[in-house]
Amino acid sequence: MSAGVELSHRAMAMLRAVAARRAVMSCSCEPDLFIDGFACCDQMTAHALARSGYIRPAELATVGGRVAAELTEAGQAALKITAVA
């Protein structure tokens, strides 16, 4: 995922869950996403959202620890664009 690439419906659902403060993520080079306490079914998309700068940990933690996930400015912009459409 990079600039100019359309996000899938699943990726957008993940962003909405993060925005609703229902998600936590592990702190690692490939962070896993957990929504409502359950591991996200598509960790490849979760990794891509983090790598592409749409989501990030809300705070620092030790490697492997879990913290709240938050949207970056890019993640917020992606949600605003689709809300208008």
N, C-alpha and C. Protein backbone atom coordinates (compact mmCIF):
# COMPACT_ATOMS: atom_id res chain seq x y z
N MET A 1 0.86 -1.18 0.00
CA MET A 1 0.00 0.00 0.00
C MET A 1 0.90 1.23 0.00
N SER A 2 0.60 2.09 -0.89
CA SER A 2 1.34 3.35 -0.94
C SER A 2 0.44 4.41 -1.53
N ALA A 3 0.95 5.61 -1.63
CA ALA A 3 0.15 6.72 -2.14
C ALA A 3 -0.42 6.35 -3.50
N GLY A 4 -1.68 6.66 -3.70
CA GLY A 4 -2.33 6.38 -4.97
C GLY A 4 -2.91 4.98 -5.07
N VAL A 5 -2.71 4.14 -4.05
CA VAL A 5 -3.24 2.78 -4.07
C VAL A 5 -4.54 2.77 -3.29
N GLU A 6 -5.58 2.21 -3.90
CA GLU A 6 -6.87 2.15 -3.24
C GLU A 6 -6.85 1.09 -2.14
N LEU A 7 -7.37 1.43 -0.98
CA LEU A 7 -7.43 0.49 0.14
C LEU A 7 -8.63 -0.43 -0.03
N SER A 8 -8.46 -1.69 0.33
CA SER A 8 -9.54 -2.66 0.24
C SER A 8 -10.61 -2.39 1.29
N HIS A 9 -11.76 -3.01 1.12
CA HIS A 9 -12.83 -2.88 2.11
C HIS A 9 -12.35 -3.40 3.47
N ARG A 10 -11.58 -4.47 3.45
CA ARG A 10 -11.07 -5.04 4.70
C ARG A 10 -10.11 -4.06 5.38
N ALA A 11 -9.23 -3.44 4.61
CA ALA A 11 -8.30 -2.46 5.18
C ALA A 11 -9.06 -1.28 5.78
N MET A 12 -10.10 -0.83 5.08
CA MET A 12 -10.90 0.27 5.60
C MET A 12 -11.62 -0.13 6.88
N ALA A 13 -12.10 -1.37 6.95
CA ALA A 13 -12.75 -1.84 8.18
C ALA A 13 -11.76 -1.85 9.33
N MET A 14 -10.52 -2.23 9.05
CA MET A 14 -9.49 -2.20 10.09
C MET A 14 -9.24 -0.77 10.56
N LEU A 15 -9.18 0.16 9.62
CA LEU A 15 -8.98 1.56 10.00
C LEU A 15 -10.14 2.07 10.84
N ARG A 16 -11.36 1.67 10.50
CA ARG A 16 -12.53 2.10 11.30
C ARG A 16 -12.46 1.52 12.71
N ALA A 17 -12.01 0.28 12.84
CA ALA A 17 -11.87 -0.33 14.17
C ALA A 17 -10.81 0.40 14.99
N VAL A 18 -9.72 0.78 14.35
CA VAL A 18 -8.68 1.53 15.06
C VAL A 18 -9.24 2.89 15.49
N ALA A 19 -9.96 3.55 14.59
CA ALA A 19 -10.54 4.86 14.91
C ALA A 19 -11.53 4.76 16.06
N ALA A 20 -12.23 3.64 16.16
CA ALA A 20 -13.21 3.43 17.23
C ALA A 20 -12.55 2.97 18.53
N ARG A 21 -11.22 2.89 18.53
CA ARG A 21 -10.45 2.48 19.71
C ARG A 21 -10.77 1.06 20.14
N ARG A 22 -11.00 0.21 19.14
CA ARG A 22 -11.29 -1.20 19.41
C ARG A 22 -10.08 -2.08 19.12
N ALA A 23 -8.94 -1.47 18.76
CA ALA A 23 -7.80 -2.25 18.30
C ALA A 23 -6.56 -2.00 19.15
N VAL A 24 -5.79 -3.06 19.31
CA VAL A 24 -4.45 -2.98 19.88
C VAL A 24 -3.50 -3.62 18.89
N MET A 25 -2.24 -3.28 19.01
CA MET A 25 -1.26 -3.88 18.12
C MET A 25 -0.01 -4.28 18.90
N SER A 26 0.67 -5.29 18.38
CA SER A 26 1.91 -5.71 19.01
C SER A 26 3.02 -4.78 18.55
N CYS A 27 4.01 -4.64 19.37
CA CYS A 27 5.16 -3.79 19.03
C CYS A 27 6.27 -4.68 18.49
N SER A 28 6.41 -4.65 17.20
CA SER A 28 7.45 -5.43 16.53
C SER A 28 7.67 -4.86 15.14
N CYS A 29 8.63 -5.42 14.42
CA CYS A 29 8.90 -4.91 13.07
C CYS A 29 7.73 -5.20 12.13
N GLU A 30 6.96 -6.22 12.39
CA GLU A 30 5.73 -6.54 11.65
C GLU A 30 4.60 -6.66 12.67
N PRO A 31 4.03 -5.52 13.09
CA PRO A 31 3.05 -5.55 14.18
C PRO A 31 1.75 -6.26 13.80
N ASP A 32 1.30 -7.10 14.71
CA ASP A 32 0.01 -7.77 14.53
C ASP A 32 -1.09 -6.90 15.12
N LEU A 33 -2.27 -7.00 14.54
CA LEU A 33 -3.41 -6.21 14.97
C LEU A 33 -4.45 -7.11 15.63
N PHE A 34 -5.01 -6.65 16.72
CA PHE A 34 -6.04 -7.38 17.46
C PHE A 34 -7.24 -6.45 17.60
N ILE A 35 -8.41 -6.93 17.21
CA ILE A 35 -9.63 -6.14 17.27
C ILE A 35 -10.60 -6.82 18.21
N ASP A 36 -11.09 -6.06 19.17
CA ASP A 36 -12.01 -6.59 20.20
C ASP A 36 -11.42 -7.82 20.89
N GLY A 37 -10.09 -7.83 21.05
CA GLY A 37 -9.42 -8.91 21.76
C GLY A 37 -9.05 -10.11 20.92
N PHE A 38 -9.42 -10.12 19.66
CA PHE A 38 -9.14 -11.26 18.78
C PHE A 38 -8.12 -10.87 17.72
N ALA A 39 -7.26 -11.81 17.37
CA ALA A 39 -6.29 -11.56 16.31
C ALA A 39 -7.03 -11.28 15.01
N CYS A 40 -6.60 -10.26 14.31
CA CYS A 40 -7.20 -9.88 13.04
C CYS A 40 -7.00 -11.03 12.04
N CYS A 41 -8.00 -11.27 11.21
CA CYS A 41 -7.95 -12.40 10.29
C CYS A 41 -6.99 -12.18 9.13
N ASP A 42 -6.56 -10.96 8.87
CA ASP A 42 -5.69 -10.65 7.74
C ASP A 42 -4.48 -9.86 8.23
N GLN A 43 -3.52 -10.56 8.80
CA GLN A 43 -2.36 -9.89 9.35
C GLN A 43 -1.48 -9.28 8.25
N MET A 44 -1.53 -9.81 7.04
CA MET A 44 -0.76 -9.22 5.95
C MET A 44 -1.23 -7.79 5.68
N THR A 45 -2.55 -7.58 5.70
CA THR A 45 -3.09 -6.23 5.51
C THR A 45 -2.76 -5.36 6.71
N ALA A 46 -2.84 -5.92 7.91
CA ALA A 46 -2.48 -5.15 9.11
C ALA A 46 -1.03 -4.70 9.04
N HIS A 47 -0.14 -5.59 8.62
CA HIS A 47 1.27 -5.23 8.48
C HIS A 47 1.43 -4.12 7.44
N ALA A 48 0.72 -4.25 6.33
CA ALA A 48 0.81 -3.25 5.26
C ALA A 48 0.30 -1.88 5.73
N LEU A 49 -0.76 -1.87 6.52
CA LEU A 49 -1.28 -0.60 7.05
C LEU A 49 -0.25 0.07 7.95
N ALA A 50 0.43 -0.71 8.76
CA ALA A 50 1.47 -0.16 9.64
C ALA A 50 2.67 0.29 8.82
N ARG A 51 3.13 -0.56 7.91
CA ARG A 51 4.30 -0.23 7.09
C ARG A 51 4.06 1.01 6.23
N SER A 52 2.83 1.16 5.74
CA SER A 52 2.50 2.29 4.87
C SER A 52 2.16 3.56 5.64
N GLY A 53 2.13 3.46 6.96
CA GLY A 53 1.93 4.65 7.77
C GLY A 53 0.48 5.06 7.99
N TYR A 54 -0.45 4.12 7.95
CA TYR A 54 -1.86 4.41 8.24
C TYR A 54 -2.19 4.22 9.72
N ILE A 55 -1.50 3.28 10.37
CA ILE A 55 -1.71 3.02 11.80
C ILE A 55 -0.35 2.95 12.48
N ARG A 56 -0.37 3.16 13.81
CA ARG A 56 0.87 3.08 14.59
C ARG A 56 0.49 2.78 16.04
N PRO A 57 1.48 2.33 16.83
CA PRO A 57 1.21 2.15 18.27
C PRO A 57 0.97 3.52 18.90
N ALA A 58 0.03 3.59 19.82
CA ALA A 58 -0.29 4.85 20.49
C ALA A 58 0.75 5.21 21.53
N GLU A 59 1.56 4.24 21.95
CA GLU A 59 2.60 4.49 22.94
C GLU A 59 3.73 3.50 22.74
N LEU A 60 4.85 3.76 23.35
CA LEU A 60 5.98 2.85 23.28
C LEU A 60 5.78 1.68 24.22
N ALA A 61 6.27 0.53 23.81
CA ALA A 61 6.21 -0.67 24.65
C ALA A 61 7.39 -1.55 24.30
N THR A 62 7.60 -2.57 25.11
CA THR A 62 8.68 -3.51 24.81
C THR A 62 8.32 -4.34 23.58
N VAL A 63 9.32 -4.86 22.93
CA VAL A 63 9.09 -5.69 21.75
C VAL A 63 8.18 -6.86 22.13
N GLY A 64 7.13 -7.03 21.36
CA GLY A 64 6.17 -8.10 21.62
C GLY A 64 5.01 -7.67 22.50
N GLY A 65 5.16 -6.53 23.18
CA GLY A 65 4.06 -6.04 24.01
C GLY A 65 2.92 -5.52 23.15
N ARG A 66 1.76 -5.42 23.73
CA ARG A 66 0.58 -4.90 23.01
C ARG A 66 0.17 -3.56 23.59
N VAL A 67 -0.13 -2.63 22.70
CA VAL A 67 -0.59 -1.30 23.09
C VAL A 67 -1.75 -0.90 22.17
N ALA A 68 -2.45 0.12 22.58
CA ALA A 68 -3.54 0.63 21.73
C ALA A 68 -2.98 1.05 20.38
N ALA A 69 -3.74 0.80 19.34
CA ALA A 69 -3.38 1.26 18.00
C ALA A 69 -4.06 2.60 17.76
N GLU A 70 -3.43 3.45 16.96
CA GLU A 70 -4.04 4.72 16.61
C GLU A 70 -3.82 5.01 15.13
N LEU A 71 -4.69 5.82 14.58
CA LEU A 71 -4.54 6.25 13.19
C LEU A 71 -3.48 7.33 13.10
N THR A 72 -2.77 7.33 12.01
CA THR A 72 -1.86 8.43 11.70
C THR A 72 -2.68 9.46 10.91
N GLU A 73 -2.05 10.53 10.52
CA GLU A 73 -2.74 11.52 9.68
C GLU A 73 -3.19 10.88 8.37
N ALA A 74 -2.37 10.00 7.82
CA ALA A 74 -2.74 9.32 6.57
C ALA A 74 -3.96 8.43 6.78
N GLY A 75 -4.02 7.74 7.91
CA GLY A 75 -5.18 6.90 8.22
C GLY A 75 -6.44 7.71 8.39
N GLN A 76 -6.33 8.85 9.07
CA GLN A 76 -7.48 9.73 9.25
C GLN A 76 -7.95 10.27 7.91
N ALA A 77 -7.01 10.64 7.06
CA ALA A 77 -7.36 11.16 5.73
C ALA A 77 -8.06 10.10 4.90
N ALA A 78 -7.60 8.84 4.98
CA ALA A 78 -8.23 7.76 4.22
C ALA A 78 -9.68 7.58 4.64
N LEU A 79 -9.95 7.67 5.94
CA LEU A 79 -11.33 7.53 6.41
C LEU A 79 -12.18 8.71 5.98
N LYS A 80 -11.63 9.90 5.99
CA LYS A 80 -12.40 11.09 5.58
C LYS A 80 -12.76 11.02 4.11
N ILE A 81 -11.84 10.57 3.28
CA ILE A 81 -12.09 10.48 1.84
C ILE A 81 -13.25 9.53 1.56
N THR A 82 -13.26 8.38 2.22
CA THR A 82 -14.31 7.40 1.96
C THR A 82 -15.62 7.81 2.59
N ALA A 83 -15.59 8.61 3.65
CA ALA A 83 -16.82 9.07 4.29
C ALA A 83 -17.57 10.02 3.37
N VAL A 84 -16.84 10.75 2.54
CA VAL A 84 -17.45 11.71 1.63
C VAL A 84 -18.03 11.02 0.41
N ALA A 85 -17.36 9.96 -0.02
CA ALA A 85 -17.77 9.26 -1.25
C ALA A 85 -19.08 8.54 -1.10
